[in-house]
Amino acid sequence: MSPPFEHGATFNYRGKSFLVTTLMENRKGYTQRQFEDAKRAKKLYHIVGCPTVENFKNILRQNIIQNCPVTPADVDLAEKMFGPDIET
């Protein structure tokens, strides 16, 4: 038996229906390395204070954080896998 919410699920709360898309579902089609890169991007995003996603990608493009292994492509992957942040 699979764990609850392993795949997208719909549930009702106070008469409203909600669709839950899980991380496992969002990870489909990506490699383990891409997942790790996305996690690293999300972690760094929070460390630098949750700027807008575009500002964060500009910081990475301009090499403001020298020798940073995170790329704008990793940020895009993180957005696809984890969805937008609450702060944005």
PDB file of N, CA and C in Angstrom:
ATOM      1  N   MET A   1       0.844  -1.177   0.000  1.00  0.00           N
ATOM      2  CA  MET A   1       0.000   0.000   0.000  1.00  0.00           C
ATOM      3  C   MET A   1       0.890   1.241   0.000  1.00  0.00           C
ATOM      4  N   SER A   2       0.556   2.222  -0.811  1.00  0.00           N
ATOM      5  CA  SER A   2       1.369   3.435  -0.898  1.00  0.00           C
ATOM      6  C   SER A   2       1.015   4.395   0.227  1.00  0.00           C
ATOM      7  N   PRO A   3       2.002   5.230   0.643  1.00  0.00           N
ATOM      8  CA  PRO A   3       1.732   6.185   1.700  1.00  0.00           C
ATOM      9  C   PRO A   3       0.692   7.207   1.261  1.00  0.00           C
ATOM     10  N   PRO A   4      -0.023   7.830   2.227  1.00  0.00           N
ATOM     11  CA  PRO A   4      -1.023   8.826   1.856  1.00  0.00           C
ATOM     12  C   PRO A   4      -0.395   9.978   1.089  1.00  0.00           C
ATOM     13  N   PHE A   5      -1.099  10.481   0.120  1.00  0.00           N
ATOM     14  CA  PHE A   5      -0.685  11.617  -0.687  1.00  0.00           C
ATOM     15  C   PHE A   5       0.589  11.370  -1.477  1.00  0.00           C
ATOM     16  N   GLU A   6       0.926  10.101  -1.729  1.00  0.00           N
ATOM     17  CA  GLU A   6       2.113   9.827  -2.534  1.00  0.00           C
ATOM     18  C   GLU A   6       1.949  10.428  -3.924  1.00  0.00           C
ATOM     19  N   HIS A   7       0.746  10.420  -4.423  1.00  0.00           N
ATOM     20  CA  HIS A   7       0.436  11.028  -5.711  1.00  0.00           C
ATOM     21  C   HIS A   7      -0.551  12.147  -5.452  1.00  0.00           C
ATOM     22  N   GLY A   8      -0.861  12.920  -6.468  1.00  0.00           N
ATOM     23  CA  GLY A   8      -1.822  13.997  -6.289  1.00  0.00           C
ATOM     24  C   GLY A   8      -3.122  13.449  -5.722  1.00  0.00           C
ATOM     25  N   ALA A   9      -3.749  14.192  -4.856  1.00  0.00           N
ATOM     26  CA  ALA A   9      -4.990  13.738  -4.233  1.00  0.00           C
ATOM     27  C   ALA A   9      -5.912  14.927  -4.057  1.00  0.00           C
ATOM     28  N   THR A  10      -7.187  14.638  -4.010  1.00  0.00           N
ATOM     29  CA  THR A  10      -8.177  15.673  -3.758  1.00  0.00           C
ATOM     30  C   THR A  10      -8.787  15.402  -2.395  1.00  0.00           C
ATOM     31  N   PHE A  11      -8.934  16.439  -1.594  1.00  0.00           N
ATOM     32  CA  PHE A  11      -9.600  16.272  -0.316  1.00  0.00           C
ATOM     33  C   PHE A  11     -10.510  17.469  -0.074  1.00  0.00           C
ATOM     34  N   ASN A  12     -11.481  17.261   0.791  1.00  0.00           N
ATOM     35  CA  ASN A  12     -12.449  18.308   1.105  1.00  0.00           C
ATOM     36  C   ASN A  12     -12.166  18.872   2.491  1.00  0.00           C
ATOM     37  N   TYR A  13     -12.297  20.174   2.610  1.00  0.00           N
ATOM     38  CA  TYR A  13     -12.150  20.845   3.896  1.00  0.00           C
ATOM     39  C   TYR A  13     -13.190  21.958   3.940  1.00  0.00           C
ATOM     40  N   ARG A  14     -14.084  21.855   4.893  1.00  0.00           N
ATOM     41  CA  ARG A  14     -15.140  22.851   5.067  1.00  0.00           C
ATOM     42  C   ARG A  14     -15.925  23.083   3.773  1.00  0.00           C
ATOM     43  N   GLY A  15     -16.225  21.983   3.098  1.00  0.00           N
ATOM     44  CA  GLY A  15     -17.039  22.076   1.894  1.00  0.00           C
ATOM     45  C   GLY A  15     -16.311  22.502   0.637  1.00  0.00           C
ATOM     46  N   LYS A  16     -15.002  22.703   0.722  1.00  0.00           N
ATOM     47  CA  LYS A  16     -14.222  23.087  -0.455  1.00  0.00           C
ATOM     48  C   LYS A  16     -13.276  21.960  -0.811  1.00  0.00           C
ATOM     49  N   SER A  17     -13.084  21.748  -2.109  1.00  0.00           N
ATOM     50  CA  SER A  17     -12.171  20.707  -2.573  1.00  0.00           C
ATOM     51  C   SER A  17     -10.802  21.310  -2.863  1.00  0.00           C
ATOM     52  N   PHE A  18      -9.755  20.572  -2.522  1.00  0.00           N
ATOM     53  CA  PHE A  18      -8.382  21.001  -2.752  1.00  0.00           C
ATOM     54  C   PHE A  18      -7.631  19.883  -3.449  1.00  0.00           C
ATOM     55  N   LEU A  19      -6.838  20.240  -4.441  1.00  0.00           N
ATOM     56  CA  LEU A  19      -5.985  19.276  -5.125  1.00  0.00           C
ATOM     57  C   LEU A  19      -4.584  19.422  -4.556  1.00  0.00           C
ATOM     58  N   VAL A  20      -4.043  18.327  -4.091  1.00  0.00           N
ATOM     59  CA  VAL A  20      -2.699  18.329  -3.525  1.00  0.00           C
ATOM     60  C   VAL A  20      -1.771  17.649  -4.517  1.00  0.00           C
ATOM     61  N   THR A  21      -0.785  18.368  -4.991  1.00  0.00           N
ATOM     62  CA  THR A  21       0.238  17.796  -5.845  1.00  0.00           C
ATOM     63  C   THR A  21       1.474  17.621  -4.983  1.00  0.00           C
ATOM     64  N   THR A  22       1.963  16.427  -4.891  1.00  0.00           N
ATOM     65  CA  THR A  22       3.058  16.145  -3.989  1.00  0.00           C
ATOM     66  C   THR A  22       4.414  16.311  -4.671  1.00  0.00           C
ATOM     67  N   LEU A  23       5.420  16.426  -3.843  1.00  0.00           N
ATOM     68  CA  LEU A  23       6.786  16.538  -4.344  1.00  0.00           C
ATOM     69  C   LEU A  23       7.142  15.320  -5.177  1.00  0.00           C
ATOM     70  N   MET A  24       6.715  14.148  -4.754  1.00  0.00           N
ATOM     71  CA  MET A  24       7.035  12.935  -5.499  1.00  0.00           C
ATOM     72  C   MET A  24       6.483  13.025  -6.926  1.00  0.00           C
ATOM     73  N   GLU A  25       5.283  13.539  -7.049  1.00  0.00           N
ATOM     74  CA  GLU A  25       4.686  13.695  -8.369  1.00  0.00           C
ATOM     75  C   GLU A  25       5.444  14.738  -9.187  1.00  0.00           C
ATOM     76  N   ASN A  26       5.848  15.835  -8.546  1.00  0.00           N
ATOM     77  CA  ASN A  26       6.575  16.895  -9.246  1.00  0.00           C
ATOM     78  C   ASN A  26       7.983  16.463  -9.646  1.00  0.00           C
ATOM     79  N   ARG A  27       8.562  15.489  -8.959  1.00  0.00           N
ATOM     80  CA  ARG A  27       9.920  15.023  -9.256  1.00  0.00           C
ATOM     81  C   ARG A  27       9.981  14.087 -10.453  1.00  0.00           C
ATOM     82  N   LYS A  28       8.849  13.577 -10.860  1.00  0.00           N
ATOM     83  CA  LYS A  28       8.851  12.622 -11.972  1.00  0.00           C
ATOM     84  C   LYS A  28       9.524  13.236 -13.192  1.00  0.00           C
ATOM     85  N   GLY A  29      10.407  12.470 -13.809  1.00  0.00           N
ATOM     86  CA  GLY A  29      11.085  12.930 -15.013  1.00  0.00           C
ATOM     87  C   GLY A  29      12.393  13.660 -14.752  1.00  0.00           C
ATOM     88  N   TYR A  30      12.753  13.810 -13.477  1.00  0.00           N
ATOM     89  CA  TYR A  30      14.008  14.477 -13.134  1.00  0.00           C
ATOM     90  C   TYR A  30      14.956  13.473 -12.487  1.00  0.00           C
ATOM     91  N   THR A  31      16.247  13.696 -12.654  1.00  0.00           N
ATOM     92  CA  THR A  31      17.239  12.808 -12.061  1.00  0.00           C
ATOM     93  C   THR A  31      17.455  13.172 -10.596  1.00  0.00           C
ATOM     94  N   GLN A  32      18.122  12.269  -9.892  1.00  0.00           N
ATOM     95  CA  GLN A  32      18.460  12.532  -8.488  1.00  0.00           C
ATOM     96  C   GLN A  32      19.365  13.763  -8.383  1.00  0.00           C
ATOM     97  N   ARG A  33      20.278  13.922  -9.331  1.00  0.00           N
ATOM     98  CA  ARG A  33      21.176  15.077  -9.313  1.00  0.00           C
ATOM     99  C   ARG A  33      20.389  16.377  -9.500  1.00  0.00           C
ATOM    100  N   GLN A  34      19.431  16.378 -10.409  1.00  0.00           N
ATOM    101  CA  GLN A  34      18.607  17.573 -10.602  1.00  0.00           C
ATOM    102  C   GLN A  34      17.831  17.900  -9.332  1.00  0.00           C
ATOM    103  N   PHE A  35      17.343  16.873  -8.651  1.00  0.00           N
ATOM    104  CA  PHE A  35      16.632  17.084  -7.389  1.00  0.00           C
ATOM    105  C   PHE A  35      17.554  17.698  -6.343  1.00  0.00           C
ATOM    106  N   GLU A  36      18.764  17.180  -6.233  1.00  0.00           N
ATOM    107  CA  GLU A  36      19.735  17.714  -5.264  1.00  0.00           C
ATOM    108  C   GLU A  36      20.102  19.165  -5.614  1.00  0.00           C
ATOM    109  N   ASP A  37      20.278  19.464  -6.904  1.00  0.00           N
ATOM    110  CA  ASP A  37      20.580  20.831  -7.334  1.00  0.00           C
ATOM    111  C   ASP A  37      19.427  21.778  -6.995  1.00  0.00           C
ATOM    112  N   ALA A  38      18.205  21.310  -7.174  1.00  0.00           N
ATOM    113  CA  ALA A  38      17.040  22.133  -6.846  1.00  0.00           C
ATOM    114  C   ALA A  38      16.959  22.390  -5.343  1.00  0.00           C
ATOM    115  N   LYS A  39      17.258  21.373  -4.536  1.00  0.00           N
ATOM    116  CA  LYS A  39      17.258  21.552  -3.077  1.00  0.00           C
ATOM    117  C   LYS A  39      18.321  22.569  -2.661  1.00  0.00           C
ATOM    118  N   ARG A  40      19.496  22.482  -3.293  1.00  0.00           N
ATOM    119  CA  ARG A  40      20.577  23.427  -2.983  1.00  0.00           C
ATOM    120  C   ARG A  40      20.151  24.853  -3.346  1.00  0.00           C
ATOM    121  N   ALA A  41      19.488  25.003  -4.482  1.00  0.00           N
ATOM    122  CA  ALA A  41      19.022  26.326  -4.913  1.00  0.00           C
ATOM    123  C   ALA A  41      18.003  26.884  -3.921  1.00  0.00           C
ATOM    124  N   LYS A  42      17.077  26.038  -3.475  1.00  0.00           N
ATOM    125  CA  LYS A  42      16.046  26.483  -2.535  1.00  0.00           C
ATOM    126  C   LYS A  42      16.673  26.878  -1.198  1.00  0.00           C
ATOM    127  N   LYS A  43      17.657  26.113  -0.749  1.00  0.00           N
ATOM    128  CA  LYS A  43      18.334  26.418   0.516  1.00  0.00           C
ATOM    129  C   LYS A  43      19.064  27.759   0.420  1.00  0.00           C
ATOM    130  N   LEU A  44      19.793  27.965  -0.667  1.00  0.00           N
ATOM    131  CA  LEU A  44      20.518  29.224  -0.848  1.00  0.00           C
ATOM    132  C   LEU A  44      19.550  30.398  -0.958  1.00  0.00           C
ATOM    133  N   TYR A  45      18.447  30.185  -1.630  1.00  0.00           N
ATOM    134  CA  TYR A  45      17.411  31.216  -1.774  1.00  0.00           C
ATOM    135  C   TYR A  45      16.980  31.730  -0.401  1.00  0.00           C
ATOM    136  N   HIS A  46      16.801  30.828   0.539  1.00  0.00           N
ATOM    137  CA  HIS A  46      16.409  31.229   1.893  1.00  0.00           C
ATOM    138  C   HIS A  46      17.572  31.869   2.653  1.00  0.00           C
ATOM    139  N   ILE A  47      18.764  31.393   2.422  1.00  0.00           N
ATOM    140  CA  ILE A  47      19.943  31.959   3.101  1.00  0.00           C
ATOM    141  C   ILE A  47      20.145  33.415   2.709  1.00  0.00           C
ATOM    142  N   VAL A  48      19.912  33.756   1.426  1.00  0.00           N
ATOM    143  CA  VAL A  48      20.131  35.135   0.979  1.00  0.00           C
ATOM    144  C   VAL A  48      18.931  36.039   1.255  1.00  0.00           C
ATOM    145  N   GLY A  49      17.932  35.520   1.934  1.00  0.00           N
ATOM    146  CA  GLY A  49      16.851  36.383   2.389  1.00  0.00           C
ATOM    147  C   GLY A  49      15.609  36.408   1.515  1.00  0.00           C
ATOM    148  N   CYS A  50      15.402  35.405   0.702  1.00  0.00           N
ATOM    149  CA  CYS A  50      14.192  35.272  -0.127  1.00  0.00           C
ATOM    150  C   CYS A  50      13.922  36.488  -1.013  1.00  0.00           C
ATOM    151  N   PRO A  51      14.881  36.848  -1.870  1.00  0.00           N
ATOM    152  CA  PRO A  51      14.591  37.930  -2.826  1.00  0.00           C
ATOM    153  C   PRO A  51      13.566  37.438  -3.845  1.00  0.00           C
ATOM    154  N   THR A  52      13.147  38.290  -4.754  1.00  0.00           N
ATOM    155  CA  THR A  52      12.279  37.785  -5.813  1.00  0.00           C
ATOM    156  C   THR A  52      13.076  36.751  -6.605  1.00  0.00           C
ATOM    157  N   VAL A  53      12.381  35.872  -7.263  1.00  0.00           N
ATOM    158  CA  VAL A  53      13.061  34.818  -8.014  1.00  0.00           C
ATOM    159  C   VAL A  53      13.940  35.433  -9.103  1.00  0.00           C
ATOM    160  N   GLU A  54      13.433  36.451  -9.781  1.00  0.00           N
ATOM    161  CA  GLU A  54      14.236  37.099 -10.828  1.00  0.00           C
ATOM    162  C   GLU A  54      15.489  37.753 -10.242  1.00  0.00           C
ATOM    163  N   ASN A  55      15.368  38.416  -9.104  1.00  0.00           N
ATOM    164  CA  ASN A  55      16.546  39.020  -8.463  1.00  0.00           C
ATOM    165  C   ASN A  55      17.543  37.953  -8.045  1.00  0.00           C
ATOM    166  N   PHE A  56      17.031  36.831  -7.540  1.00  0.00           N
ATOM    167  CA  PHE A  56      17.917  35.738  -7.139  1.00  0.00           C
ATOM    168  C   PHE A  56      18.684  35.196  -8.343  1.00  0.00           C
ATOM    169  N   LYS A  57      17.985  35.011  -9.456  1.00  0.00           N
ATOM    170  CA  LYS A  57      18.670  34.528 -10.659  1.00  0.00           C
ATOM    171  C   LYS A  57      19.683  35.553 -11.170  1.00  0.00           C
ATOM    172  N   ASN A  58      19.385  36.835 -11.032  1.00  0.00           N
ATOM    173  CA  ASN A  58      20.346  37.874 -11.424  1.00  0.00           C
ATOM    174  C   ASN A  58      21.581  37.842 -10.541  1.00  0.00           C
ATOM    175  N   ILE A  59      21.403  37.608  -9.255  1.00  0.00           N
ATOM    176  CA  ILE A  59      22.545  37.479  -8.334  1.00  0.00           C
ATOM    177  C   ILE A  59      23.442  36.344  -8.809  1.00  0.00           C
ATOM    178  N   LEU A  60      22.839  35.248  -9.208  1.00  0.00           N
ATOM    179  CA  LEU A  60      23.620  34.094  -9.663  1.00  0.00           C
ATOM    180  C   LEU A  60      24.307  34.377 -10.996  1.00  0.00           C
ATOM    181  N   ARG A  61      23.588  35.015 -11.923  1.00  0.00           N
ATOM    182  CA  ARG A  61      24.173  35.328 -13.239  1.00  0.00           C
ATOM    183  C   ARG A  61      25.361  36.279 -13.119  1.00  0.00           C
ATOM    184  N   GLN A  62      25.267  37.235 -12.201  1.00  0.00           N
ATOM    185  CA  GLN A  62      26.314  38.244 -12.039  1.00  0.00           C
ATOM    186  C   GLN A  62      27.483  37.751 -11.186  1.00  0.00           C
ATOM    187  N   ASN A  63      27.399  36.506 -10.720  1.00  0.00           N
ATOM    188  CA  ASN A  63      28.458  35.907  -9.910  1.00  0.00           C
ATOM    189  C   ASN A  63      28.752  36.723  -8.652  1.00  0.00           C
ATOM    190  N   ILE A  64      27.720  37.308  -8.071  1.00  0.00           N
ATOM    191  CA  ILE A  64      27.881  38.081  -6.834  1.00  0.00           C
ATOM    192  C   ILE A  64      28.314  37.159  -5.697  1.00  0.00           C
ATOM    193  N   ILE A  65      27.800  35.943  -5.698  1.00  0.00           N
ATOM    194  CA  ILE A  65      28.258  34.923  -4.752  1.00  0.00           C
ATOM    195  C   ILE A  65      29.306  34.118  -5.509  1.00  0.00           C
ATOM    196  N   GLN A  66      30.555  34.428  -5.248  1.00  0.00           N
ATOM    197  CA  GLN A  66      31.629  33.828  -6.032  1.00  0.00           C
ATOM    198  C   GLN A  66      31.714  32.318  -5.827  1.00  0.00           C
ATOM    199  N   ASN A  67      32.024  31.626  -6.922  1.00  0.00           N
ATOM    200  CA  ASN A  67      32.186  30.168  -6.936  1.00  0.00           C
ATOM    201  C   ASN A  67      30.943  29.438  -6.440  1.00  0.00           C
ATOM    202  N   CYS A  68      29.792  29.999  -6.685  1.00  0.00           N
ATOM    203  CA  CYS A  68      28.535  29.405  -6.245  1.00  0.00           C
ATOM    204  C   CYS A  68      28.139  28.272  -7.194  1.00  0.00           C
ATOM    205  N   PRO A  69      27.859  27.096  -6.650  1.00  0.00           N
ATOM    206  CA  PRO A  69      27.483  25.975  -7.519  1.00  0.00           C
ATOM    207  C   PRO A  69      26.041  26.052  -8.034  1.00  0.00           C
ATOM    208  N   VAL A  70      25.240  26.950  -7.494  1.00  0.00           N
ATOM    209  CA  VAL A  70      23.839  27.070  -7.896  1.00  0.00           C
ATOM    210  C   VAL A  70      23.741  27.920  -9.158  1.00  0.00           C
ATOM    211  N   THR A  71      22.938  27.467 -10.112  1.00  0.00           N
ATOM    212  CA  THR A  71      22.754  28.191 -11.368  1.00  0.00           C
ATOM    213  C   THR A  71      21.300  28.647 -11.492  1.00  0.00           C
ATOM    214  N   PRO A  72      21.034  29.605 -12.382  1.00  0.00           N
ATOM    215  CA  PRO A  72      19.636  29.987 -12.624  1.00  0.00           C
ATOM    216  C   PRO A  72      18.776  28.801 -13.075  1.00  0.00           C
ATOM    217  N   ALA A  73      19.358  27.856 -13.783  1.00  0.00           N
ATOM    218  CA  ALA A  73      18.611  26.659 -14.195  1.00  0.00           C
ATOM    219  C   ALA A  73      18.187  25.841 -12.975  1.00  0.00           C
ATOM    220  N   ASP A  74      19.027  25.803 -11.944  1.00  0.00           N
ATOM    221  CA  ASP A  74      18.676  25.104 -10.704  1.00  0.00           C
ATOM    222  C   ASP A  74      17.490  25.788 -10.022  1.00  0.00           C
ATOM    223  N   VAL A  75      17.457  27.107 -10.091  1.00  0.00           N
ATOM    224  CA  VAL A  75      16.349  27.867  -9.514  1.00  0.00           C
ATOM    225  C   VAL A  75      15.053  27.531 -10.257  1.00  0.00           C
ATOM    226  N   ASP A  76      15.133  27.442 -11.571  1.00  0.00           N
ATOM    227  CA  ASP A  76      13.958  27.073 -12.360  1.00  0.00           C
ATOM    228  C   ASP A  76      13.467  25.673 -11.994  1.00  0.00           C
ATOM    229  N   LEU A  77      14.405  24.752 -11.815  1.00  0.00           N
ATOM    230  CA  LEU A  77      14.037  23.391 -11.403  1.00  0.00           C
ATOM    231  C   LEU A  77      13.356  23.406 -10.035  1.00  0.00           C
ATOM    232  N   ALA A  78      13.903  24.185  -9.115  1.00  0.00           N
ATOM    233  CA  ALA A  78      13.322  24.271  -7.770  1.00  0.00           C
ATOM    234  C   ALA A  78      11.896  24.801  -7.835  1.00  0.00           C
ATOM    235  N   GLU A  79      11.669  25.788  -8.687  1.00  0.00           N
ATOM    236  CA  GLU A  79      10.316  26.340  -8.836  1.00  0.00           C
ATOM    237  C   GLU A  79       9.359  25.284  -9.373  1.00  0.00           C
ATOM    238  N   LYS A  80       9.832  24.470 -10.315  1.00  0.00           N
ATOM    239  CA  LYS A  80       8.978  23.428 -10.889  1.00  0.00           C
ATOM    240  C   LYS A  80       8.692  22.326  -9.882  1.00  0.00           C
ATOM    241  N   MET A  81       9.717  21.929  -9.122  1.00  0.00           N
ATOM    242  CA  MET A  81       9.553  20.820  -8.187  1.00  0.00           C
ATOM    243  C   MET A  81       8.827  21.217  -6.906  1.00  0.00           C
ATOM    244  N   PHE A  82       9.227  22.355  -6.338  1.00  0.00           N
ATOM    245  CA  PHE A  82       8.702  22.740  -5.030  1.00  0.00           C
ATOM    246  C   PHE A  82       7.589  23.774  -5.095  1.00  0.00           C
ATOM    247  N   GLY A  83       7.413  24.383  -6.266  1.00  0.00           N
ATOM    248  CA  GLY A  83       6.406  25.443  -6.396  1.00  0.00           C
ATOM    249  C   GLY A  83       6.946  26.763  -5.867  1.00  0.00           C
ATOM    250  N   PRO A  84       6.161  27.822  -6.031  1.00  0.00           N
ATOM    251  CA  PRO A  84       6.621  29.123  -5.558  1.00  0.00           C
ATOM    252  C   PRO A  84       6.667  29.175  -4.030  1.00  0.00           C
ATOM    253  N   ASP A  85       7.545  30.012  -3.535  1.00  0.00           N
ATOM    254  CA  ASP A  85       7.687  30.171  -2.091  1.00  0.00           C
ATOM    255  C   ASP A  85       6.557  31.036  -1.549  1.00  0.00           C
ATOM    256  N   ILE A  86       6.251  30.863  -0.291  1.00  0.00           N
ATOM    257  CA  ILE A  86       5.223  31.663   0.369  1.00  0.00           C
ATOM    258  C   ILE A  86       5.612  33.152   0.345  1.00  0.00           C
ATOM    259  N   GLU A  87       6.907  33.431   0.499  1.00  0.00           N
ATOM    260  CA  GLU A  87       7.385  34.815   0.548  1.00  0.00           C
ATOM    261  C   GLU A  87       7.212  35.547  -0.775  1.00  0.00           C
ATOM    262  N   THR A  88       7.116  34.795  -1.898  1.00  0.00           N
ATOM    263  CA  THR A  88       7.032  35.457  -3.200  1.00  0.00           C
ATOM    264  C   THR A  88       5.622  35.719  -3.624  1.00  0.00           C
TER     265      THR A  88
END
